[in-house]
Amino acid sequence: MARSFKHSQYPKIFKPLYPNNLTLSLKKQHVIMIAILFERVFMESVLNFLTNINVIFTLLGYLIGGIPFGYALMKIFYGMDITKIGSGGIGATNVLRALQSKGVSNAKQMALLVLILDLFKGM
């Protein structure tokens, strides 16, 4: 017959996870304890890794660097697909050319905004 532990015999870190009247076989208890311990250790190491400031900035840089600001701003403000106009590039020069060819009055300001946002991506 398999031994079983009562709630009071669990190590301190496992006590909040089991009700007082729970009785499990020794094998099931070991499997559960190992799984919980692994999860706690793993999650702690993941959280420590993600709170490292270098990792945070690297992830943010990667995510922000993937935003095509020229394409996004042209689509949002003018409904144009910048890749189908002019040279097909999504940079400030093509934004300026495309907007000037359409007769938009604030073409230089929009191109400057795209240029500044693209410059900040590289920082």
Foldseek 3Di string as FASTA:
>chain_A
DFDWDFLVPDPPVCNVVDDRGDIDGPVVVVVVVVVVVVVVVVVVVVVVVCVPPVNVVVVVLVVLLPDLLQQVVCCVPPVDRLLVADPNDSALVSQLVRCVVVVHPCSVVSSVVRVVSNVVSVD
